[in-house]
Amino acid sequence: MTYTYKTKGTCSRAITFDLNDGIVSNVSFQGGCNGNLQGIAKLCEGKKAEDIINSVSGIRCGMKTTSCPDQFAKALAEALEEEKK
């Protein structure tokens, strides 16, 4: 299933990704640091959502309390909850 998450407190505005049986694919960030976010998207392709959450949750960007990777972890956690329903 395809999910879109509106980010909060980051340069990127939204994250779109597919989640099927807990596996992440087709990740794209709208806005933000294009090269870095393309790298994150590629590194997450085909990985378990839970593993990604464990790796990137809590990462901060400068003085901000969150980051694009942290927002992605939040998006994945919400999507996993939705998948359980």
PDB file of N, CA and C in Angstrom:
ATOM      1  N   MET A   1       0.833  -1.169   0.000  1.00  0.00           N
ATOM      2  CA  MET A   1       0.000   0.000   0.000  1.00  0.00           C
ATOM      3  C   MET A   1       0.889   1.247   0.000  1.00  0.00           C
ATOM      4  N   THR A   2       0.450   2.287  -0.675  1.00  0.00           N
ATOM      5  CA  THR A   2       1.194   3.535  -0.753  1.00  0.00           C
ATOM      6  C   THR A   2       0.737   4.486   0.345  1.00  0.00           C
ATOM      7  N   TYR A   3       1.707   5.092   1.018  1.00  0.00           N
ATOM      8  CA  TYR A   3       1.442   6.035   2.099  1.00  0.00           C
ATOM      9  C   TYR A   3       2.104   7.368   1.787  1.00  0.00           C
ATOM     10  N   THR A   4       1.471   8.445   2.208  1.00  0.00           N
ATOM     11  CA  THR A   4       2.064   9.771   2.146  1.00  0.00           C
ATOM     12  C   THR A   4       1.961  10.379   3.527  1.00  0.00           C
ATOM     13  N   TYR A   5       3.090  10.858   4.024  1.00  0.00           N
ATOM     14  CA  TYR A   5       3.168  11.432   5.360  1.00  0.00           C
ATOM     15  C   TYR A   5       3.614  12.877   5.239  1.00  0.00           C
ATOM     16  N   LYS A   6       2.848  13.790   5.805  1.00  0.00           N
ATOM     17  CA  LYS A   6       3.218  15.212   5.819  1.00  0.00           C
ATOM     18  C   LYS A   6       4.163  15.433   6.993  1.00  0.00           C
ATOM     19  N   THR A   7       5.385  15.841   6.689  1.00  0.00           N
ATOM     20  CA  THR A   7       6.403  16.015   7.718  1.00  0.00           C
ATOM     21  C   THR A   7       6.150  17.275   8.545  1.00  0.00           C
ATOM     22  N   LYS A   8       6.741  17.273   9.734  1.00  0.00           N
ATOM     23  CA  LYS A   8       6.610  18.411  10.644  1.00  0.00           C
ATOM     24  C   LYS A   8       8.003  18.801  11.134  1.00  0.00           C
ATOM     25  N   GLY A   9       8.370  20.075  10.976  1.00  0.00           N
ATOM     26  CA  GLY A   9       9.622  20.579  11.516  1.00  0.00           C
ATOM     27  C   GLY A   9      10.857  20.294  10.679  1.00  0.00           C
ATOM     28  N   THR A  10      10.676  19.954   9.397  1.00  0.00           N
ATOM     29  CA  THR A  10      11.810  19.674   8.522  1.00  0.00           C
ATOM     30  C   THR A  10      11.685  20.448   7.211  1.00  0.00           C
ATOM     31  N   CYS A  11      12.764  20.463   6.460  1.00  0.00           N
ATOM     32  CA  CYS A  11      12.753  21.121   5.149  1.00  0.00           C
ATOM     33  C   CYS A  11      11.898  20.356   4.148  1.00  0.00           C
ATOM     34  N   SER A  12      11.894  19.022   4.247  1.00  0.00           N
ATOM     35  CA  SER A  12      11.027  18.258   3.355  1.00  0.00           C
ATOM     36  C   SER A  12       9.582  18.465   3.793  1.00  0.00           C
ATOM     37  N   ARG A  13       8.677  18.412   2.826  1.00  0.00           N
ATOM     38  CA  ARG A  13       7.267  18.669   3.105  1.00  0.00           C
ATOM     39  C   ARG A  13       6.466  17.390   3.287  1.00  0.00           C
ATOM     40  N   ALA A  14       6.888  16.323   2.612  1.00  0.00           N
ATOM     41  CA  ALA A  14       6.143  15.070   2.664  1.00  0.00           C
ATOM     42  C   ALA A  14       7.051  13.914   2.250  1.00  0.00           C
ATOM     43  N   ILE A  15       6.643  12.722   2.673  1.00  0.00           N
ATOM     44  CA  ILE A  15       7.348  11.489   2.310  1.00  0.00           C
ATOM     45  C   ILE A  15       6.305  10.524   1.773  1.00  0.00           C
ATOM     46  N   THR A  16       6.586   9.958   0.609  1.00  0.00           N
ATOM     47  CA  THR A  16       5.709   8.951   0.016  1.00  0.00           C
ATOM     48  C   THR A  16       6.496   7.656  -0.085  1.00  0.00           C
ATOM     49  N   PHE A  17       5.843   6.547   0.245  1.00  0.00           N
ATOM     50  CA  PHE A  17       6.506   5.247   0.192  1.00  0.00           C
ATOM     51  C   PHE A  17       5.470   4.140   0.118  1.00  0.00           C
ATOM     52  N   ASP A  18       5.913   2.979  -0.322  1.00  0.00           N
ATOM     53  CA  ASP A  18       5.074   1.781  -0.316  1.00  0.00           C
ATOM     54  C   ASP A  18       5.496   0.913   0.854  1.00  0.00           C
ATOM     55  N   LEU A  19       4.520   0.252   1.467  1.00  0.00           N
ATOM     56  CA  LEU A  19       4.781  -0.682   2.547  1.00  0.00           C
ATOM     57  C   LEU A  19       3.937  -1.917   2.299  1.00  0.00           C
ATOM     58  N   ASN A  20       4.606  -3.035   2.081  1.00  0.00           N
ATOM     59  CA  ASN A  20       3.927  -4.304   1.817  1.00  0.00           C
ATOM     60  C   ASN A  20       4.532  -5.375   2.704  1.00  0.00           C
ATOM     61  N   ASP A  21       3.712  -5.918   3.603  1.00  0.00           N
ATOM     62  CA  ASP A  21       4.168  -6.932   4.557  1.00  0.00           C
ATOM     63  C   ASP A  21       5.385  -6.464   5.337  1.00  0.00           C
ATOM     64  N   GLY A  22       5.412  -5.172   5.699  1.00  0.00           N
ATOM     65  CA  GLY A  22       6.492  -4.634   6.506  1.00  0.00           C
ATOM     66  C   GLY A  22       7.756  -4.266   5.751  1.00  0.00           C
ATOM     67  N   ILE A  23       7.748  -4.426   4.421  1.00  0.00           N
ATOM     68  CA  ILE A  23       8.911  -4.112   3.587  1.00  0.00           C
ATOM     69  C   ILE A  23       8.676  -2.787   2.855  1.00  0.00           C
ATOM     70  N   VAL A  24       9.687  -1.927   2.885  1.00  0.00           N
ATOM     71  CA  VAL A  24       9.599  -0.568   2.336  1.00  0.00           C
ATOM     72  C   VAL A  24      10.129  -0.531   0.903  1.00  0.00           C
ATOM     73  N   SER A  25       9.435   0.222   0.050  1.00  0.00           N
ATOM     74  CA  SER A  25       9.912   0.435  -1.323  1.00  0.00           C
ATOM     75  C   SER A  25       9.388   1.781  -1.832  1.00  0.00           C
ATOM     76  N   ASN A  26       9.955   2.218  -2.946  1.00  0.00           N
ATOM     77  CA  ASN A  26       9.513   3.429  -3.655  1.00  0.00           C
ATOM     78  C   ASN A  26       9.450   4.660  -2.753  1.00  0.00           C
ATOM     79  N   VAL A  27      10.493   4.889  -1.976  1.00  0.00           N
ATOM     80  CA  VAL A  27      10.547   6.032  -1.065  1.00  0.00           C
ATOM     81  C   VAL A  27      10.898   7.297  -1.839  1.00  0.00           C
ATOM     82  N   SER A  28      10.148   8.371  -1.594  1.00  0.00           N
ATOM     83  CA  SER A  28      10.516   9.665  -2.168  1.00  0.00           C
ATOM     84  C   SER A  28      10.139  10.765  -1.179  1.00  0.00           C
ATOM     85  N   PHE A  29      11.015  11.749  -1.086  1.00  0.00           N
ATOM     86  CA  PHE A  29      10.811  12.908  -0.234  1.00  0.00           C
ATOM     87  C   PHE A  29      10.493  14.089  -1.128  1.00  0.00           C
ATOM     88  N   GLN A  30       9.552  14.927  -0.715  1.00  0.00           N
ATOM     89  CA  GLN A  30       9.246  16.147  -1.440  1.00  0.00           C
ATOM     90  C   GLN A  30       9.887  17.297  -0.674  1.00  0.00           C
ATOM     91  N   GLY A  31      10.773  18.028  -1.350  1.00  0.00           N
ATOM     92  CA  GLY A  31      11.509  19.108  -0.722  1.00  0.00           C
ATOM     93  C   GLY A  31      12.706  18.555   0.037  1.00  0.00           C
ATOM     94  N   GLY A  32      13.372  19.414   0.768  1.00  0.00           N
ATOM     95  CA  GLY A  32      14.523  18.988   1.564  1.00  0.00           C
ATOM     96  C   GLY A  32      15.805  18.932   0.761  1.00  0.00           C
ATOM     97  N   CYS A  33      16.827  18.346   1.358  1.00  0.00           N
ATOM     98  CA  CYS A  33      18.160  18.228   0.749  1.00  0.00           C
ATOM     99  C   CYS A  33      18.154  17.063  -0.237  1.00  0.00           C
ATOM    100  N   ASN A  34      17.986  17.360  -1.484  1.00  0.00           N
ATOM    101  CA  ASN A  34      17.727  16.357  -2.511  1.00  0.00           C
ATOM    102  C   ASN A  34      18.717  15.199  -2.521  1.00  0.00           C
ATOM    103  N   GLY A  35      19.990  15.469  -2.542  1.00  0.00           N
ATOM    104  CA  GLY A  35      20.984  14.390  -2.612  1.00  0.00           C
ATOM    105  C   GLY A  35      20.944  13.488  -1.393  1.00  0.00           C
ATOM    106  N   ASN A  36      20.893  14.081  -0.207  1.00  0.00           N
ATOM    107  CA  ASN A  36      20.842  13.283   1.020  1.00  0.00           C
ATOM    108  C   ASN A  36      19.586  12.425   1.080  1.00  0.00           C
ATOM    109  N   LEU A  37      18.469  13.016   0.692  1.00  0.00           N
ATOM    110  CA  LEU A  37      17.211  12.282   0.788  1.00  0.00           C
ATOM    111  C   LEU A  37      17.106  11.192  -0.275  1.00  0.00           C
ATOM    112  N   GLN A  38      17.722  11.405  -1.429  1.00  0.00           N
ATOM    113  CA  GLN A  38      17.783  10.321  -2.421  1.00  0.00           C
ATOM    114  C   GLN A  38      18.602   9.164  -1.865  1.00  0.00           C
ATOM    115  N   GLY A  39      19.683   9.492  -1.160  1.00  0.00           N
ATOM    116  CA  GLY A  39      20.517   8.461  -0.541  1.00  0.00           C
ATOM    117  C   GLY A  39      19.749   7.671   0.500  1.00  0.00           C
ATOM    118  N   ILE A  40      19.026   8.362   1.363  1.00  0.00           N
ATOM    119  CA  ILE A  40      18.216   7.678   2.372  1.00  0.00           C
ATOM    120  C   ILE A  40      17.203   6.761   1.698  1.00  0.00           C
ATOM    121  N   ALA A  41      16.544   7.277   0.671  1.00  0.00           N
ATOM    122  CA  ALA A  41      15.539   6.479  -0.039  1.00  0.00           C
ATOM    123  C   ALA A  41      16.152   5.195  -0.611  1.00  0.00           C
ATOM    124  N   LYS A  42      17.307   5.304  -1.248  1.00  0.00           N
ATOM    125  CA  LYS A  42      17.971   4.128  -1.835  1.00  0.00           C
ATOM    126  C   LYS A  42      18.398   3.124  -0.769  1.00  0.00           C
ATOM    127  N   LEU A  43      18.936   3.645   0.342  1.00  0.00           N
ATOM    128  CA  LEU A  43      19.402   2.760   1.413  1.00  0.00           C
ATOM    129  C   LEU A  43      18.259   2.009   2.080  1.00  0.00           C
ATOM    130  N   CYS A  44      17.058   2.567   2.036  1.00  0.00           N
ATOM    131  CA  CYS A  44      15.906   1.946   2.692  1.00  0.00           C
ATOM    132  C   CYS A  44      15.141   0.985   1.788  1.00  0.00           C
ATOM    133  N   GLU A  45      15.407   1.029   0.518  1.00  0.00           N
ATOM    134  CA  GLU A  45      14.696   0.194  -0.457  1.00  0.00           C
ATOM    135  C   GLU A  45      14.834  -1.287  -0.111  1.00  0.00           C
ATOM    136  N   GLY A  46      13.690  -1.965   0.039  1.00  0.00           N
ATOM    137  CA  GLY A  46      13.677  -3.406   0.288  1.00  0.00           C
ATOM    138  C   GLY A  46      13.960  -3.817   1.726  1.00  0.00           C
ATOM    139  N   LYS A  47      14.087  -2.845   2.617  1.00  0.00           N
ATOM    140  CA  LYS A  47      14.389  -3.132   4.027  1.00  0.00           C
ATOM    141  C   LYS A  47      13.099  -3.249   4.842  1.00  0.00           C
ATOM    142  N   LYS A  48      13.205  -3.902   5.996  1.00  0.00           N
ATOM    143  CA  LYS A  48      12.076  -3.996   6.915  1.00  0.00           C
ATOM    144  C   LYS A  48      11.851  -2.634   7.566  1.00  0.00           C
ATOM    145  N   ALA A  49      10.600  -2.229   7.638  1.00  0.00           N
ATOM    146  CA  ALA A  49      10.269  -0.942   8.243  1.00  0.00           C
ATOM    147  C   ALA A  49      10.782  -0.868   9.679  1.00  0.00           C
ATOM    148  N   GLU A  50      10.642  -1.927  10.441  1.00  0.00           N
ATOM    149  CA  GLU A  50      11.094  -1.926  11.837  1.00  0.00           C
ATOM    150  C   GLU A  50      12.597  -1.683  11.940  1.00  0.00           C
ATOM    151  N   ASP A  51      13.377  -2.247  11.023  1.00  0.00           N
ATOM    152  CA  ASP A  51      14.830  -2.027  11.034  1.00  0.00           C
ATOM    153  C   ASP A  51      15.167  -0.567  10.735  1.00  0.00           C
ATOM    154  N   ILE A  52      14.441   0.024   9.786  1.00  0.00           N
ATOM    155  CA  ILE A  52      14.670   1.428   9.443  1.00  0.00           C
ATOM    156  C   ILE A  52      14.316   2.311  10.641  1.00  0.00           C
ATOM    157  N   ILE A  53      13.184   2.040  11.272  1.00  0.00           N
ATOM    158  CA  ILE A  53      12.764   2.817  12.443  1.00  0.00           C
ATOM    159  C   ILE A  53      13.841   2.760  13.515  1.00  0.00           C
ATOM    160  N   ASN A  54      14.345   1.572  13.794  1.00  0.00           N
ATOM    161  CA  ASN A  54      15.383   1.415  14.815  1.00  0.00           C
ATOM    162  C   ASN A  54      16.666   2.162  14.459  1.00  0.00           C
ATOM    163  N   SER A  55      16.950   2.285  13.175  1.00  0.00           N
ATOM    164  CA  SER A  55      18.187   2.949  12.731  1.00  0.00           C
ATOM    165  C   SER A  55      18.108   4.468  12.737  1.00  0.00           C
ATOM    166  N   VAL A  56      16.960   5.037  12.386  1.00  0.00           N
ATOM    167  CA  VAL A  56      16.910   6.487  12.160  1.00  0.00           C
ATOM    168  C   VAL A  56      16.051   7.267  13.146  1.00  0.00           C
ATOM    169  N   SER A  57      15.296   6.586  13.978  1.00  0.00           N
ATOM    170  CA  SER A  57      14.446   7.276  14.951  1.00  0.00           C
ATOM    171  C   SER A  57      15.297   8.093  15.914  1.00  0.00           C
ATOM    172  N   GLY A  58      14.890   9.337  16.146  1.00  0.00           N
ATOM    173  CA  GLY A  58      15.581  10.191  17.095  1.00  0.00           C
ATOM    174  C   GLY A  58      16.712  11.021  16.524  1.00  0.00           C
ATOM    175  N   ILE A  59      17.047  10.848  15.246  1.00  0.00           N
ATOM    176  CA  ILE A  59      18.089  11.669  14.631  1.00  0.00           C
ATOM    177  C   ILE A  59      17.594  13.107  14.574  1.00  0.00           C
ATOM    178  N   ARG A  60      18.479  14.023  14.932  1.00  0.00           N
ATOM    179  CA  ARG A  60      18.146  15.444  14.913  1.00  0.00           C
ATOM    180  C   ARG A  60      18.911  16.139  13.791  1.00  0.00           C
ATOM    181  N   CYS A  61      18.370  17.254  13.326  1.00  0.00           N
ATOM    182  CA  CYS A  61      19.016  18.063  12.301  1.00  0.00           C
ATOM    183  C   CYS A  61      19.384  19.399  12.925  1.00  0.00           C
ATOM    184  N   GLY A  62      20.664  19.590  13.181  1.00  0.00           N
ATOM    185  CA  GLY A  62      21.104  20.833  13.812  1.00  0.00           C
ATOM    186  C   GLY A  62      20.429  21.013  15.154  1.00  0.00           C
ATOM    187  N   MET A  63      19.834  22.167  15.369  1.00  0.00           N
ATOM    188  CA  MET A  63      19.160  22.480  16.630  1.00  0.00           C
ATOM    189  C   MET A  63      17.702  22.011  16.648  1.00  0.00           C
ATOM    190  N   LYS A  64      17.226  21.483  15.550  1.00  0.00           N
ATOM    191  CA  LYS A  64      15.835  21.010  15.485  1.00  0.00           C
ATOM    192  C   LYS A  64      15.675  19.748  16.335  1.00  0.00           C
ATOM    193  N   THR A  65      14.471  19.497  16.784  1.00  0.00           N
ATOM    194  CA  THR A  65      14.205  18.302  17.591  1.00  0.00           C
ATOM    195  C   THR A  65      13.913  17.083  16.735  1.00  0.00           C
ATOM    196  N   THR A  66      13.927  17.242  15.427  1.00  0.00           N
ATOM    197  CA  THR A  66      13.643  16.150  14.501  1.00  0.00           C
ATOM    198  C   THR A  66      14.521  16.314  13.263  1.00  0.00           C
ATOM    199  N   SER A  67      14.342  15.432  12.297  1.00  0.00           N
ATOM    200  CA  SER A  67      15.068  15.469  11.029  1.00  0.00           C
ATOM    201  C   SER A  67      14.237  14.725   9.998  1.00  0.00           C
ATOM    202  N   CYS A  68      14.655  14.772   8.762  1.00  0.00           N
ATOM    203  CA  CYS A  68      13.947  14.008   7.725  1.00  0.00           C
ATOM    204  C   CYS A  68      13.981  12.503   8.022  1.00  0.00           C
ATOM    205  N   PRO A  69      15.129  11.924   8.418  1.00  0.00           N
ATOM    206  CA  PRO A  69      15.124  10.504   8.761  1.00  0.00           C
ATOM    207  C   PRO A  69      14.210  10.196   9.958  1.00  0.00           C
ATOM    208  N   ASP A  70      14.205  11.069  10.967  1.00  0.00           N
ATOM    209  CA  ASP A  70      13.331  10.870  12.123  1.00  0.00           C
ATOM    210  C   ASP A  70      11.864  10.941  11.704  1.00  0.00           C
ATOM    211  N   GLN A  71      11.534  11.877  10.829  1.00  0.00           N
ATOM    212  CA  GLN A  71      10.163  11.971  10.319  1.00  0.00           C
ATOM    213  C   GLN A  71       9.791  10.725   9.525  1.00  0.00           C
ATOM    214  N   PHE A  72      10.752  10.168   8.796  1.00  0.00           N
ATOM    215  CA  PHE A  72      10.503   8.930   8.057  1.00  0.00           C
ATOM    216  C   PHE A  72      10.206   7.792   9.037  1.00  0.00           C
ATOM    217  N   ALA A  73      10.930   7.740  10.146  1.00  0.00           N
ATOM    218  CA  ALA A  73      10.666   6.722  11.165  1.00  0.00           C
ATOM    219  C   ALA A  73       9.249   6.866  11.707  1.00  0.00           C
ATOM    220  N   LYS A  74       8.803   8.089  11.945  1.00  0.00           N
ATOM    221  CA  LYS A  74       7.445   8.333  12.426  1.00  0.00           C
ATOM    222  C   LYS A  74       6.418   7.899  11.379  1.00  0.00           C
ATOM    223  N   ALA A  75       6.705   8.207  10.126  1.00  0.00           N
ATOM    224  CA  ALA A  75       5.803   7.815   9.040  1.00  0.00           C
ATOM    225  C   ALA A  75       5.683   6.297   8.955  1.00  0.00           C
ATOM    226  N   LEU A  76       6.811   5.612   9.051  1.00  0.00           N
ATOM    227  CA  LEU A  76       6.800   4.155   8.988  1.00  0.00           C
ATOM    228  C   LEU A  76       6.047   3.546  10.164  1.00  0.00           C
ATOM    229  N   ALA A  77       6.232   4.107  11.355  1.00  0.00           N
ATOM    230  CA  ALA A  77       5.526   3.600  12.531  1.00  0.00           C
ATOM    231  C   ALA A  77       4.014   3.735  12.348  1.00  0.00           C
ATOM    232  N   GLU A  78       3.574   4.865  11.830  1.00  0.00           N
ATOM    233  CA  GLU A  78       2.140   5.062  11.571  1.00  0.00           C
ATOM    234  C   GLU A  78       1.633   4.075  10.526  1.00  0.00           C
ATOM    235  N   ALA A  79       2.419   3.872   9.475  1.00  0.00           N
ATOM    236  CA  ALA A  79       2.012   2.953   8.407  1.00  0.00           C
ATOM    237  C   ALA A  79       1.935   1.517   8.922  1.00  0.00           C
ATOM    238  N   LEU A  80       2.880   1.125   9.767  1.00  0.00           N
ATOM    239  CA  LEU A  80       2.831  -0.221  10.348  1.00  0.00           C
ATOM    240  C   LEU A  80       1.576  -0.407  11.188  1.00  0.00           C
ATOM    241  N   GLU A  81       1.212   0.609  11.956  1.00  0.00           N
ATOM    242  CA  GLU A  81      -0.023   0.534  12.749  1.00  0.00           C
ATOM    243  C   GLU A  81      -1.234   0.396  11.833  1.00  0.00           C
ATOM    244  N   GLU A  82      -1.230   1.154  10.741  1.00  0.00           N
ATOM    245  CA  GLU A  82      -2.327   1.090   9.780  1.00  0.00           C
ATOM    246  C   GLU A  82      -2.413  -0.291   9.133  1.00  0.00           C
ATOM    247  N   GLU A  83      -1.250  -0.877   8.841  1.00  0.00           N
ATOM    248  CA  GLU A  83      -1.214  -2.209   8.223  1.00  0.00           C
ATOM    249  C   GLU A  83      -1.822  -3.270   9.135  1.00  0.00           C
ATOM    250  N   LYS A  84      -1.732  -3.079  10.442  1.00  0.00           N
ATOM    251  CA  LYS A  84      -2.253  -4.054  11.399  1.00  0.00           C
ATOM    252  C   LYS A  84      -3.778  -4.069  11.444  1.00  0.00           C
ATOM    253  N   LYS A  85      -4.403  -2.974  11.015  1.00  0.00           N
ATOM    254  CA  LYS A  85      -5.873  -2.867  11.075  1.00  0.00           C
ATOM    255  C   LYS A  85      -6.550  -3.695  10.016  1.00  0.00           C
TER     256      LYS A  85
END
